[in-house]
Amino acid sequence: MTKKMNKKLYLGIYLASFLLAAAALFAALLSGLTFAEKHPVMVPVRIVTGIGVVQFLLVAVVYPLVLLAKMWGAIQDGSARTTPGKAVGFLFIPFFNLYWVFNVWAGFPTDYNDYVTRRGLPVEPLSRNLYLAYPILLVLSPLPIIGILSAVASILFLPVLAANVCDTVNRLSEFG
């Protein structure tokens, strides 16, 4: 049986983490404009800023992996192209992950739609476009110039994708 995903919790964690990082960066900027570089207040400001940014980076890395595991776990009936463990684990294989990120994100709607058809569930099929955009943004992120825009877009796009994943998994949980 598929367990429901608490959409408010998932989106709340991401939003709180993002706002904490943004507040830390804003405080650092404000402090940098207000105080001299060697002022004693700058040391704790740098520490708090670092913690704020690092915690968001951890959330931004772990969060999509949790979503992947949940969404692939929801359609396990022996016919899915991968398991939740492989979906996440193979992303840690250098170079192969450039292929795999498309397989697990953009490939999910196909497997989901096949799962729904096999079971005869009265739910709307998923569109591949939403799930294709995220890996494209991820793969473009390390590139010069366009990478900054792509990284920012992926950070802003992730809550939209997460909300869709939660709704998708929750729809399946209604049918057991």
Foldseek 3Di string as FASTA:
>chain_A
DADADDLCVLLVVLVVLVVQLVVLVVQLVVCPVVDPPPDPVNVVSVVSNVVSVVSNVVCLVVSVLVLLQRLQCLQDDPPDPDHSCCLNVVCPDPPVVLVSLCCSQLVSLVSLVVSCVVVVPPDDGDDSVLSNLLSVLVVLLVDPPVNVVSVVCNSVSVSVVSSVSSVSSNSSVVVD
